[in-house]
């Protein structure tokens, strides 16, 4: 009798493990919903952030590829905080102005 109870409990557990995820997925999936996508961005590593020749190539590629929504730039903290408590965001401000003029994002 103990073995039968164990077998029934194990069978119920296995069935619940199969059925519960199926009902959860079915309940949360809306076929009319649209998934949000941030778009495609051109990634620039920090060595190219202030290289005008390189950036002119990037900007021409942005113009030629409408699917690109903007660029992603990485900065080292030392580039932004020149000395303790003294911050320089001029490079970021300049890129924001250039990209805004091109209707692109940073």
PDB file of N, CA and C in Angstrom:
ATOM      1  N   UNK A   1       0.830  -1.185   0.000  1.00  0.00           N
ATOM      2  CA  UNK A   1       0.000   0.000   0.000  1.00  0.00           C
ATOM      3  C   UNK A   1       0.878   1.253   0.000  1.00  0.00           C
ATOM      4  N   UNK A   2       1.960   1.243   0.783  1.00  0.00           N
ATOM      5  CA  UNK A   2       2.860   2.395   0.797  1.00  0.00           C
ATOM      6  C   UNK A   2       3.459   2.632  -0.593  1.00  0.00           C
ATOM      7  N   UNK A   3       3.807   1.546  -1.250  1.00  0.00           N
ATOM      8  CA  UNK A   3       4.406   1.652  -2.576  1.00  0.00           C
ATOM      9  C   UNK A   3       3.417   2.247  -3.572  1.00  0.00           C
ATOM     10  N   UNK A   4       2.138   1.893  -3.480  1.00  0.00           N
ATOM     11  CA  UNK A   4       1.106   2.417  -4.379  1.00  0.00           C
ATOM     12  C   UNK A   4       0.923   3.912  -4.135  1.00  0.00           C
ATOM     13  N   UNK A   5       0.896   4.328  -2.866  1.00  0.00           N
ATOM     14  CA  UNK A   5       0.771   5.760  -2.556  1.00  0.00           C
ATOM     15  C   UNK A   5       1.969   6.544  -3.110  1.00  0.00           C
ATOM     16  N   UNK A   6       3.143   5.966  -2.945  1.00  0.00           N
ATOM     17  CA  UNK A   6       4.342   6.610  -3.471  1.00  0.00           C
ATOM     18  C   UNK A   6       4.278   6.718  -4.992  1.00  0.00           C
ATOM     19  N   UNK A   7       3.831   5.658  -5.638  1.00  0.00           N
ATOM     20  CA  UNK A   7       3.722   5.640  -7.091  1.00  0.00           C
ATOM     21  C   UNK A   7       2.701   6.658  -7.587  1.00  0.00           C
ATOM     22  N   UNK A   8       1.568   6.771  -6.921  1.00  0.00           N
ATOM     23  CA  UNK A   8       0.535   7.746  -7.289  1.00  0.00           C
ATOM     24  C   UNK A   8       1.066   9.164  -7.087  1.00  0.00           C
ATOM     25  N   UNK A   9       1.726   9.406  -5.968  1.00  0.00           N
ATOM     26  CA  UNK A   9       2.282  10.735  -5.699  1.00  0.00           C
ATOM     27  C   UNK A   9       3.334  11.102  -6.748  1.00  0.00           C
ATOM     28  N   UNK A  10       4.183  10.161  -7.089  1.00  0.00           N
ATOM     29  CA  UNK A  10       5.211  10.420  -8.096  1.00  0.00           C
ATOM     30  C   UNK A  10       4.586  10.695  -9.457  1.00  0.00           C
ATOM     31  N   UNK A  11       3.563   9.943  -9.808  1.00  0.00           N
ATOM     32  CA  UNK A  11       2.875  10.138 -11.082  1.00  0.00           C
ATOM     33  C   UNK A  11       2.189  11.501 -11.133  1.00  0.00           C
ATOM     34  N   UNK A  12       1.524  11.893 -10.045  1.00  0.00           N
ATOM     35  CA  UNK A  12       0.884  13.215  -9.989  1.00  0.00           C
ATOM     36  C   UNK A  12       1.922  14.334 -10.096  1.00  0.00           C
ATOM     37  N   UNK A  13       3.054  14.159  -9.449  1.00  0.00           N
ATOM     38  CA  UNK A  13       4.116  15.157  -9.521  1.00  0.00           C
ATOM     39  C   UNK A  13       4.619  15.311 -10.956  1.00  0.00           C
ATOM     40  N   UNK A  14       4.858  14.209 -11.621  1.00  0.00           N
ATOM     41  CA  UNK A  14       5.355  14.249 -13.000  1.00  0.00           C
ATOM     42  C   UNK A  14       4.330  14.894 -13.925  1.00  0.00           C
ATOM     43  N   UNK A  15       3.068  14.531 -13.780  1.00  0.00           N
ATOM     44  CA  UNK A  15       2.017  15.120 -14.615  1.00  0.00           C
ATOM     45  C   UNK A  15       1.909  16.617 -14.352  1.00  0.00           C
ATOM     46  N   UNK A  16       1.990  17.029 -13.083  1.00  0.00           N
ATOM     47  CA  UNK A  16       1.894  18.463 -12.778  1.00  0.00           C
ATOM     48  C   UNK A  16       3.088  19.227 -13.336  1.00  0.00           C
ATOM     49  N   UNK A  17       4.270  18.612 -13.352  1.00  0.00           N
ATOM     50  CA  UNK A  17       5.449  19.285 -13.898  1.00  0.00           C
ATOM     51  C   UNK A  17       5.320  19.498 -15.403  1.00  0.00           C
ATOM     52  N   UNK A  18       4.569  18.656 -16.064  1.00  0.00           N
ATOM     53  CA  UNK A  18       4.364  18.793 -17.503  1.00  0.00           C
ATOM     54  C   UNK A  18       3.234  19.770 -17.794  1.00  0.00           C
ATOM     55  N   UNK A  19       2.141  19.695 -17.058  1.00  0.00           N
ATOM     56  CA  UNK A  19       0.955  20.495 -17.368  1.00  0.00           C
ATOM     57  C   UNK A  19       1.038  21.936 -16.880  1.00  0.00           C
ATOM     58  N   UNK A  20       1.617  22.185 -15.730  1.00  0.00           N
ATOM     59  CA  UNK A  20       1.664  23.546 -15.189  1.00  0.00           C
ATOM     60  C   UNK A  20       2.437  24.489 -16.105  1.00  0.00           C
ATOM     61  N   UNK A  21       3.632  24.148 -16.572  1.00  0.00           N
ATOM     62  CA  UNK A  21       4.319  25.068 -17.494  1.00  0.00           C
ATOM     63  C   UNK A  21       3.550  25.310 -18.788  1.00  0.00           C
ATOM     64  N   UNK A  22       2.853  24.319 -19.281  1.00  0.00           N
ATOM     65  CA  UNK A  22       2.096  24.503 -20.518  1.00  0.00           C
ATOM     66  C   UNK A  22       0.971  25.506 -20.333  1.00  0.00           C
ATOM     67  N   UNK A  23       0.274  25.437 -19.212  1.00  0.00           N
ATOM     68  CA  UNK A  23      -0.822  26.385 -18.982  1.00  0.00           C
ATOM     69  C   UNK A  23      -0.274  27.771 -18.674  1.00  0.00           C
ATOM     70  N   UNK A  24       0.867  27.846 -18.034  1.00  0.00           N
ATOM     71  CA  UNK A  24       1.464  29.144 -17.732  1.00  0.00           C
ATOM     72  C   UNK A  24       1.888  29.842 -19.015  1.00  0.00           C
ATOM     73  N   UNK A  25       2.540  29.144 -19.903  1.00  0.00           N
ATOM     74  CA  UNK A  25       2.968  29.729 -21.178  1.00  0.00           C
ATOM     75  C   UNK A  25       1.754  30.132 -21.999  1.00  0.00           C
ATOM     76  N   UNK A  26       0.758  29.292 -22.043  1.00  0.00           N
ATOM     77  CA  UNK A  26      -0.438  29.598 -22.825  1.00  0.00           C
ATOM     78  C   UNK A  26      -1.160  30.809 -22.257  1.00  0.00           C
ATOM     79  N   UNK A  27      -1.145  30.967 -20.955  1.00  0.00           N
ATOM     80  CA  UNK A  27      -1.858  32.077 -20.335  1.00  0.00           C
ATOM     81  C   UNK A  27      -1.122  33.403 -20.527  1.00  0.00           C
ATOM     82  N   UNK A  28       0.206  33.383 -20.624  1.00  0.00           N
ATOM     83  CA  UNK A  28       0.959  34.628 -20.715  1.00  0.00           C
ATOM     84  C   UNK A  28       1.296  35.036 -22.145  1.00  0.00           C
ATOM     85  N   UNK A  29       1.050  34.201 -23.108  1.00  0.00           N
ATOM     86  CA  UNK A  29       1.374  34.521 -24.495  1.00  0.00           C
ATOM     87  C   UNK A  29       0.186  35.199 -25.164  1.00  0.00           C
ATOM     88  N   UNK A  30       0.418  36.414 -25.629  1.00  0.00           N
ATOM     89  CA  UNK A  30      -0.616  37.161 -26.335  1.00  0.00           C
ATOM     90  C   UNK A  30      -0.184  37.289 -27.792  1.00  0.00           C
ATOM     91  N   UNK A  31      -0.865  36.619 -28.708  1.00  0.00           N
ATOM     92  CA  UNK A  31      -0.432  36.637 -30.111  1.00  0.00           C
ATOM     93  C   UNK A  31      -0.540  38.007 -30.772  1.00  0.00           C
ATOM     94  N   UNK A  32      -1.286  38.932 -30.183  1.00  0.00           N
ATOM     95  CA  UNK A  32      -1.425  40.258 -30.791  1.00  0.00           C
ATOM     96  C   UNK A  32      -0.399  41.245 -30.255  1.00  0.00           C
ATOM     97  N   UNK A  33       0.352  40.854 -29.223  1.00  0.00           N
ATOM     98  CA  UNK A  33       1.308  41.794 -28.637  1.00  0.00           C
ATOM     99  C   UNK A  33       2.543  41.932 -29.524  1.00  0.00           C
ATOM    100  N   UNK A  34       3.167  43.088 -29.431  1.00  0.00           N
ATOM    101  CA  UNK A  34       4.383  43.366 -30.188  1.00  0.00           C
ATOM    102  C   UNK A  34       5.519  43.477 -29.191  1.00  0.00           C
ATOM    103  N   UNK A  35       6.592  42.751 -29.435  1.00  0.00           N
ATOM    104  CA  UNK A  35       7.730  42.808 -28.534  1.00  0.00           C
ATOM    105  C   UNK A  35       8.508  44.095 -28.782  1.00  0.00           C
ATOM    106  N   UNK A  36       8.958  44.707 -27.704  1.00  0.00           N
ATOM    107  CA  UNK A  36       9.739  45.930 -27.811  1.00  0.00           C
ATOM    108  C   UNK A  36      11.174  45.574 -28.177  1.00  0.00           C
ATOM    109  N   UNK A  37      11.746  46.322 -29.086  1.00  0.00           N
ATOM    110  CA  UNK A  37      13.139  46.127 -29.494  1.00  0.00           C
ATOM    111  C   UNK A  37      13.803  47.497 -29.535  1.00  0.00           C
ATOM    112  N   UNK A  38      14.924  47.664 -28.845  1.00  0.00           N
ATOM    113  CA  UNK A  38      15.570  48.980 -28.791  1.00  0.00           C
ATOM    114  C   UNK A  38      16.213  49.414 -30.095  1.00  0.00           C
ATOM    115  N   UNK A  39      16.332  48.525 -31.043  1.00  0.00           N
ATOM    116  CA  UNK A  39      16.965  48.869 -32.312  1.00  0.00           C
ATOM    117  C   UNK A  39      18.410  48.411 -32.352  1.00  0.00           C
ATOM    118  N   UNK A  40      19.042  48.680 -33.468  1.00  0.00           N
ATOM    119  CA  UNK A  40      20.434  48.276 -33.656  1.00  0.00           C
ATOM    120  C   UNK A  40      21.326  49.503 -33.489  1.00  0.00           C
ATOM    121  N   UNK A  41      22.426  49.319 -32.801  1.00  0.00           N
ATOM    122  CA  UNK A  41      23.354  50.410 -32.530  1.00  0.00           C
ATOM    123  C   UNK A  41      24.759  50.018 -32.961  1.00  0.00           C
ATOM    124  N   UNK A  42      25.478  50.992 -33.460  1.00  0.00           N
ATOM    125  CA  UNK A  42      26.875  50.838 -33.857  1.00  0.00           C
ATOM    126  C   UNK A  42      27.694  51.010 -32.578  1.00  0.00           C
ATOM    127  N   UNK A  43      28.463  50.007 -32.200  1.00  0.00           N
ATOM    128  CA  UNK A  43      29.239  50.081 -30.958  1.00  0.00           C
ATOM    129  C   UNK A  43      30.650  50.565 -31.242  1.00  0.00           C
ATOM    130  N   UNK A  44      31.047  51.581 -30.503  1.00  0.00           N
ATOM    131  CA  UNK A  44      32.385  52.157 -30.639  1.00  0.00           C
ATOM    132  C   UNK A  44      33.117  51.944 -29.320  1.00  0.00           C
ATOM    133  N   UNK A  45      34.292  51.386 -29.391  1.00  0.00           N
ATOM    134  CA  UNK A  45      35.094  51.216 -28.186  1.00  0.00           C
ATOM    135  C   UNK A  45      35.764  52.551 -27.867  1.00  0.00           C
ATOM    136  N   UNK A  46      36.255  52.698 -26.656  1.00  0.00           N
ATOM    137  CA  UNK A  46      36.708  54.010 -26.191  1.00  0.00           C
ATOM    138  C   UNK A  46      37.837  54.619 -27.011  1.00  0.00           C
ATOM    139  N   UNK A  47      38.637  53.830 -27.708  1.00  0.00           N
ATOM    140  CA  UNK A  47      39.727  54.407 -28.501  1.00  0.00           C
ATOM    141  C   UNK A  47      39.204  55.225 -29.680  1.00  0.00           C
ATOM    142  N   UNK A  48      37.959  55.022 -30.104  1.00  0.00           N
ATOM    143  CA  UNK A  48      37.418  55.754 -31.242  1.00  0.00           C
ATOM    144  C   UNK A  48      36.513  56.914 -30.873  1.00  0.00           C
ATOM    145  N   UNK A  49      36.317  57.149 -29.587  1.00  0.00           N
ATOM    146  CA  UNK A  49      35.370  58.176 -29.145  1.00  0.00           C
ATOM    147  C   UNK A  49      35.706  59.578 -29.636  1.00  0.00           C
ATOM    148  N   UNK A  50      36.969  59.900 -29.719  1.00  0.00           N
ATOM    149  CA  UNK A  50      37.366  61.257 -30.107  1.00  0.00           C
ATOM    150  C   UNK A  50      38.235  61.279 -31.361  1.00  0.00           C
ATOM    151  N   UNK A  51      38.155  60.233 -32.157  1.00  0.00           N
ATOM    152  CA  UNK A  51      38.921  60.144 -33.394  1.00  0.00           C
ATOM    153  C   UNK A  51      38.018  60.639 -34.531  1.00  0.00           C
ATOM    154  N   UNK A  52      38.216  61.875 -34.972  1.00  0.00           N
ATOM    155  CA  UNK A  52      37.307  62.493 -35.947  1.00  0.00           C
ATOM    156  C   UNK A  52      37.282  61.750 -37.285  1.00  0.00           C
ATOM    157  N   UNK A  53      38.418  61.226 -37.724  1.00  0.00           N
ATOM    158  CA  UNK A  53      38.449  60.481 -38.990  1.00  0.00           C
ATOM    159  C   UNK A  53      37.599  59.208 -38.883  1.00  0.00           C
ATOM    160  N   UNK A  54      37.760  58.502 -37.788  1.00  0.00           N
ATOM    161  CA  UNK A  54      36.986  57.283 -37.557  1.00  0.00           C
ATOM    162  C   UNK A  54      35.496  57.606 -37.416  1.00  0.00           C
ATOM    163  N   UNK A  55      35.171  58.653 -36.674  1.00  0.00           N
ATOM    164  CA  UNK A  55      33.767  59.018 -36.470  1.00  0.00           C
ATOM    165  C   UNK A  55      33.099  59.459 -37.768  1.00  0.00           C
ATOM    166  N   UNK A  56      33.838  60.080 -38.678  1.00  0.00           N
ATOM    167  CA  UNK A  56      33.228  60.469 -39.954  1.00  0.00           C
ATOM    168  C   UNK A  56      32.823  59.231 -40.752  1.00  0.00           C
ATOM    169  N   UNK A  57      33.612  58.162 -40.667  1.00  0.00           N
ATOM    170  CA  UNK A  57      33.248  56.897 -41.321  1.00  0.00           C
ATOM    171  C   UNK A  57      32.010  56.308 -40.650  1.00  0.00           C
ATOM    172  N   UNK A  58      31.983  56.350 -39.332  1.00  0.00           N
ATOM    173  CA  UNK A  58      30.825  55.831 -38.585  1.00  0.00           C
ATOM    174  C   UNK A  58      29.570  56.606 -38.957  1.00  0.00           C
ATOM    175  N   UNK A  59      29.656  57.928 -39.009  1.00  0.00           N
ATOM    176  CA  UNK A  59      28.481  58.745 -39.337  1.00  0.00           C
ATOM    177  C   UNK A  59      27.998  58.478 -40.764  1.00  0.00           C
ATOM    178  N   UNK A  60      28.919  58.232 -41.690  1.00  0.00           N
ATOM    179  CA  UNK A  60      28.482  57.924 -43.056  1.00  0.00           C
ATOM    180  C   UNK A  60      27.811  56.552 -43.109  1.00  0.00           C
ATOM    181  N   UNK A  61      28.283  55.607 -42.315  1.00  0.00           N
ATOM    182  CA  UNK A  61      27.630  54.298 -42.245  1.00  0.00           C
ATOM    183  C   UNK A  61      26.256  54.402 -41.586  1.00  0.00           C
ATOM    184  N   UNK A  62      26.130  55.262 -40.591  1.00  0.00           N
ATOM    185  CA  UNK A  62      24.820  55.493 -39.970  1.00  0.00           C
ATOM    186  C   UNK A  62      23.829  56.041 -40.987  1.00  0.00           C
ATOM    187  N   UNK A  63      24.307  56.961 -41.812  1.00  0.00           N
ATOM    188  CA  UNK A  63      23.437  57.559 -42.827  1.00  0.00           C
ATOM    189  C   UNK A  63      23.035  56.527 -43.877  1.00  0.00           C
ATOM    190  N   UNK A  64      23.964  55.645 -44.231  1.00  0.00           N
ATOM    191  CA  UNK A  64      23.705  54.646 -45.275  1.00  0.00           C
ATOM    192  C   UNK A  64      22.885  53.455 -44.774  1.00  0.00           C
ATOM    193  N   UNK A  65      22.757  53.330 -43.456  1.00  0.00           N
ATOM    194  CA  UNK A  65      22.054  52.177 -42.882  1.00  0.00           C
ATOM    195  C   UNK A  65      20.943  52.660 -41.960  1.00  0.00           C
ATOM    196  N   UNK A  66      19.746  52.893 -42.484  1.00  0.00           N
ATOM    197  CA  UNK A  66      18.654  53.418 -41.660  1.00  0.00           C
ATOM    198  C   UNK A  66      18.259  52.514 -40.492  1.00  0.00           C
ATOM    199  N   UNK A  67      18.560  51.220 -40.577  1.00  0.00           N
ATOM    200  CA  UNK A  67      18.216  50.308 -39.479  1.00  0.00           C
ATOM    201  C   UNK A  67      19.014  50.611 -38.211  1.00  0.00           C
ATOM    202  N   UNK A  68      20.153  51.273 -38.360  1.00  0.00           N
ATOM    203  CA  UNK A  68      20.941  51.659 -37.189  1.00  0.00           C
ATOM    204  C   UNK A  68      20.305  52.884 -36.549  1.00  0.00           C
ATOM    205  N   UNK A  69      19.956  52.774 -35.274  1.00  0.00           N
ATOM    206  CA  UNK A  69      19.277  53.872 -34.586  1.00  0.00           C
ATOM    207  C   UNK A  69      20.245  54.848 -33.946  1.00  0.00           C
ATOM    208  N   UNK A  70      21.502  54.460 -33.826  1.00  0.00           N
ATOM    209  CA  UNK A  70      22.474  55.342 -33.199  1.00  0.00           C
ATOM    210  C   UNK A  70      23.763  54.606 -32.917  1.00  0.00           C
ATOM    211  N   UNK A  71      24.544  55.179 -31.994  1.00  0.00           N
ATOM    212  CA  UNK A  71      25.803  54.550 -31.625  1.00  0.00           C
ATOM    213  C   UNK A  71      25.857  54.340 -30.118  1.00  0.00           C
ATOM    214  N   UNK A  72      26.640  53.360 -29.732  1.00  0.00           N
ATOM    215  CA  UNK A  72      26.895  53.077 -28.326  1.00  0.00           C
ATOM    216  C   UNK A  72      28.371  53.332 -28.102  1.00  0.00           C
ATOM    217  N   UNK A  73      28.675  54.204 -27.159  1.00  0.00           N
ATOM    218  CA  UNK A  73      30.068  54.535 -26.878  1.00  0.00           C
ATOM    219  C   UNK A  73      30.399  54.145 -25.448  1.00  0.00           C
ATOM    220  N   UNK A  74      31.610  53.663 -25.262  1.00  0.00           N
ATOM    221  CA  UNK A  74      32.074  53.298 -23.929  1.00  0.00           C
ATOM    222  C   UNK A  74      33.205  54.240 -23.542  1.00  0.00           C
ATOM    223  N   UNK A  75      33.158  54.671 -22.301  1.00  0.00           N
ATOM    224  CA  UNK A  75      34.183  55.562 -21.781  1.00  0.00           C
ATOM    225  C   UNK A  75      34.828  54.937 -20.556  1.00  0.00           C
ATOM    226  N   UNK A  76      36.100  55.152 -20.406  1.00  0.00           N
ATOM    227  CA  UNK A  76      36.770  54.796 -19.166  1.00  0.00           C
ATOM    228  C   UNK A  76      36.465  55.898 -18.157  1.00  0.00           C
ATOM    229  N   UNK A  77      36.322  55.532 -16.897  1.00  0.00           N
ATOM    230  CA  UNK A  77      35.977  56.532 -15.888  1.00  0.00           C
ATOM    231  C   UNK A  77      37.031  57.637 -15.838  1.00  0.00           C
ATOM    232  N   UNK A  78      38.282  57.290 -16.052  1.00  0.00           N
ATOM    233  CA  UNK A  78      39.361  58.283 -16.022  1.00  0.00           C
ATOM    234  C   UNK A  78      39.211  59.324 -17.127  1.00  0.00           C
ATOM    235  N   UNK A  79      38.514  58.979 -18.210  1.00  0.00           N
ATOM    236  CA  UNK A  79      38.276  59.954 -19.280  1.00  0.00           C
ATOM    237  C   UNK A  79      37.236  60.988 -18.863  1.00  0.00           C
ATOM    238  N   UNK A  80      36.344  60.591 -17.977  1.00  0.00           N
ATOM    239  CA  UNK A  80      35.266  61.489 -17.556  1.00  0.00           C
ATOM    240  C   UNK A  80      35.604  62.254 -16.286  1.00  0.00           C
ATOM    241  N   UNK A  81      36.350  61.644 -15.389  1.00  0.00           N
ATOM    242  CA  UNK A  81      36.770  62.323 -14.162  1.00  0.00           C
ATOM    243  C   UNK A  81      38.275  62.551 -14.257  1.00  0.00           C
ATOM    244  N   UNK A  82      38.627  63.734 -14.736  1.00  0.00           N
ATOM    245  CA  UNK A  82      40.035  64.048 -14.998  1.00  0.00           C
ATOM    246  C   UNK A  82      40.850  64.097 -13.708  1.00  0.00           C
ATOM    247  N   UNK A  83      40.246  64.609 -12.655  1.00  0.00           N
ATOM    248  CA  UNK A  83      40.856  64.587 -11.329  1.00  0.00           C
ATOM    249  C   UNK A  83      39.724  64.452 -10.321  1.00  0.00           C
ATOM    250  N   UNK A  84      40.049  64.155  -9.099  1.00  0.00           N
ATOM    251  CA  UNK A  84      39.039  63.875  -8.073  1.00  0.00           C
ATOM    252  C   UNK A  84      37.985  64.979  -8.020  1.00  0.00           C
ATOM    253  N   UNK A  85      36.744  64.616  -8.363  1.00  0.00           N
ATOM    254  CA  UNK A  85      35.625  65.549  -8.298  1.00  0.00           C
ATOM    255  C   UNK A  85      35.502  66.490  -9.486  1.00  0.00           C
ATOM    256  N   UNK A  86      36.404  66.391 -10.462  1.00  0.00           N
ATOM    257  CA  UNK A  86      36.361  67.257 -11.644  1.00  0.00           C
ATOM    258  C   UNK A  86      35.980  66.399 -12.845  1.00  0.00           C
ATOM    259  N   UNK A  87      34.794  66.657 -13.379  1.00  0.00           N
ATOM    260  CA  UNK A  87      34.257  65.835 -14.463  1.00  0.00           C
ATOM    261  C   UNK A  87      34.276  66.598 -15.781  1.00  0.00           C
ATOM    262  N   UNK A  88      34.512  65.861 -16.858  1.00  0.00           N
ATOM    263  CA  UNK A  88      34.526  66.450 -18.195  1.00  0.00           C
ATOM    264  C   UNK A  88      33.640  65.602 -19.105  1.00  0.00           C
ATOM    265  N   UNK A  89      32.436  66.097 -19.364  1.00  0.00           N
ATOM    266  CA  UNK A  89      31.490  65.395 -20.225  1.00  0.00           C
ATOM    267  C   UNK A  89      31.436  66.017 -21.621  1.00  0.00           C
ATOM    268  N   UNK A  90      32.441  66.807 -21.976  1.00  0.00           N
ATOM    269  CA  UNK A  90      32.411  67.520 -23.253  1.00  0.00           C
ATOM    270  C   UNK A  90      32.368  66.565 -24.447  1.00  0.00           C
ATOM    271  N   UNK A  91      33.048  65.439 -24.361  1.00  0.00           N
ATOM    272  CA  UNK A  91      33.019  64.471 -25.458  1.00  0.00           C
ATOM    273  C   UNK A  91      31.609  63.913 -25.639  1.00  0.00           C
ATOM    274  N   UNK A  92      30.953  63.595 -24.538  1.00  0.00           N
ATOM    275  CA  UNK A  92      29.581  63.078 -24.605  1.00  0.00           C
ATOM    276  C   UNK A  92      28.641  64.152 -25.143  1.00  0.00           C
ATOM    277  N   UNK A  93      28.789  65.379 -24.649  1.00  0.00           N
ATOM    278  CA  UNK A  93      27.943  66.481 -25.132  1.00  0.00           C
ATOM    279  C   UNK A  93      28.121  66.700 -26.632  1.00  0.00           C
ATOM    280  N   UNK A  94      29.366  66.621 -27.092  1.00  0.00           N
ATOM    281  CA  UNK A  94      29.645  66.821 -28.517  1.00  0.00           C
ATOM    282  C   UNK A  94      29.002  65.714 -29.354  1.00  0.00           C
ATOM    283  N   UNK A  95      29.149  64.458 -28.919  1.00  0.00           N
ATOM    284  CA  UNK A  95      28.540  63.341 -29.662  1.00  0.00           C
ATOM    285  C   UNK A  95      27.020  63.437 -29.653  1.00  0.00           C
ATOM    286  N   UNK A  96      26.434  63.838 -28.528  1.00  0.00           N
ATOM    287  CA  UNK A  96      24.978  64.010 -28.474  1.00  0.00           C
ATOM    288  C   UNK A  96      24.514  65.053 -29.481  1.00  0.00           C
ATOM    289  N   UNK A  97      25.225  66.164 -29.571  1.00  0.00           N
ATOM    290  CA  UNK A  97      24.854  67.216 -30.523  1.00  0.00           C
ATOM    291  C   UNK A  97      24.985  66.720 -31.960  1.00  0.00           C
ATOM    292  N   UNK A  98      26.080  66.021 -32.255  1.00  0.00           N
ATOM    293  CA  UNK A  98      26.289  65.507 -33.614  1.00  0.00           C
ATOM    294  C   UNK A  98      25.219  64.481 -33.995  1.00  0.00           C
ATOM    295  N   UNK A  99      24.883  63.601 -33.067  1.00  0.00           N
ATOM    296  CA  UNK A  99      23.891  62.567 -33.356  1.00  0.00           C
ATOM    297  C   UNK A  99      22.480  63.133 -33.426  1.00  0.00           C
ATOM    298  N   UNK A 100      22.170  64.097 -32.590  1.00  0.00           N
ATOM    299  CA  UNK A 100      20.850  64.730 -32.634  1.00  0.00           C
ATOM    300  C   UNK A 100      20.635  65.400 -33.982  1.00  0.00           C
ATOM    301  N   UNK A 101      21.666  66.028 -34.511  1.00  0.00           N
ATOM    302  CA  UNK A 101      21.568  66.664 -35.828  1.00  0.00           C
ATOM    303  C   UNK A 101      21.313  65.635 -36.929  1.00  0.00           C
ATOM    304  N   UNK A 102      21.714  64.400 -36.690  1.00  0.00           N
ATOM    305  CA  UNK A 102      21.513  63.319 -37.671  1.00  0.00           C
ATOM    306  C   UNK A 102      20.274  62.476 -37.347  1.00  0.00           C
ATOM    307  N   UNK A 103      19.524  62.897 -36.340  1.00  0.00           N
ATOM    308  CA  UNK A 103      18.327  62.179 -35.887  1.00  0.00           C
ATOM    309  C   UNK A 103      18.675  60.759 -35.423  1.00  0.00           C
ATOM    310  N   UNK A 104      19.789  60.647 -34.723  1.00  0.00           N
ATOM    311  CA  UNK A 104      20.245  59.363 -34.182  1.00  0.00           C
ATOM    312  C   UNK A 104      20.399  59.485 -32.672  1.00  0.00           C
ATOM    313  N   UNK A 105      20.590  58.354 -32.023  1.00  0.00           N
ATOM    314  CA  UNK A 105      20.675  58.317 -30.561  1.00  0.00           C
ATOM    315  C   UNK A 105      22.055  57.895 -30.089  1.00  0.00           C
ATOM    316  N   UNK A 106      22.334  58.278 -28.860  1.00  0.00           N
ATOM    317  CA  UNK A 106      23.571  57.867 -28.207  1.00  0.00           C
ATOM    318  C   UNK A 106      23.205  56.903 -27.097  1.00  0.00           C
TER     319      UNK A 106
END
